[in-house]
Amino acid sequence: MANNEESRGLKSLFDWFANRRKSGSISLERQEREIADGLWHKCSKCGVLAYTKDLKANQMVCIECGHHNRVDSDERIRQLIDNNTWKPLDEHLRPTDPLEFRDRKLYSDRLRETQDKIGLIDAVHTGLGQMNGLPIALGVMDFRFMGGSMGSVVGERLTRMIEQATQRRYPVVIVCTSGGARMQEGMLSLMQMAKISAALQRHKDARLLYIPVLTNPTTGGVTASFAMLGDIILAEPKATIGFAGRRVIEQTLREKLPENFQTAEDLLLHGFVDDIVPRTQLKNTLTQLIALHQPVLTPPHMVLWETMSLTSTAAE
């Protein structure tokens, strides 16, 4: 009888541990499901878990270590442009496959898959809007679309935006993030470097402001063209900025490069970047720079006074 009670007690004890283990696995599954649903975000730099809502309120900058997480183009526009002032430009332009390029798959198939996956037509958004009440032309590249590569549509959209800004006398801001020229479009992609640069030169000749913002990463043909042609060049902290890749340069030079090579901080030290601005301060910094560089309009009474002075001087 006692043996039966002990066996029953032992069995119930096993059942109790089994139930605890089962409930623990359920809670673990529930926790993983909550993280997968985007409730929490683990910082890739310091490993701290942050509530995603708080992280978005801080513009996707880690509250613990200041690491700047990558943001998409739609989020970037929301961060920089005043509510209900954004007017997109040239959304009808779509990429084609003029070279009928094929690697592991057709370029046309790769384009279609990327468009369906992330909901973008190509790797840049362009438009007009207001930044703290100041009119602006803004281009925002998106790294999710084939590494933010610069194809014909990217070049055409940016060129048309710059020309619109020149006509309206708006300042231009381009948020850059790219792996460089799009290899699937060959020479047509490389031509965009010259086309955008020519539009920026006309914008400069009109004595108008252009500010590129270099984010992580900005490399290749984008760095070799419009990313480095700004009147004032800004960068986000710790952003990778360069032309060729680190490994390629090391193999070419046959020497080890410094740890901070091709970082925004290193470029600032060597004069390639004018300032490093945290994302949480970017909108206000851009607004101040644009306001400082606005054309000074001469009041009507001053124009009249100067005219009278010139008339009297000529009479004498």
Foldseek 3Di string as FASTA:
>chain_A
DVVVVVVVVVVVVVVVVVVVVVVVVVVVVVVVVCVVVPQWDQDPPPRDIDGNVVCVVLVNQDPPPRDRDDDFPVSLCVLFFDPPFWDWPDQVDADDQPPQDADPHTPVVLQVVLCVPPVHRAFKIWTWGDQVRATATEMEGGCSGVHSAQALVNLVRLLVSLLVCLVVVHEYEYEDTGPEHDPSRPVRRLVSQVSNQVSVVSSVVSVGFYEYEQAAEHEASRLVGDQQPGPAYEYEFFHQYYYDDLVVVCVVVVDHDDPSPRGPVVCCVVVSHVYHDHSSCVSVVVVVVNVVSDDDDDDPVVVVVVVVVVVVVVVD
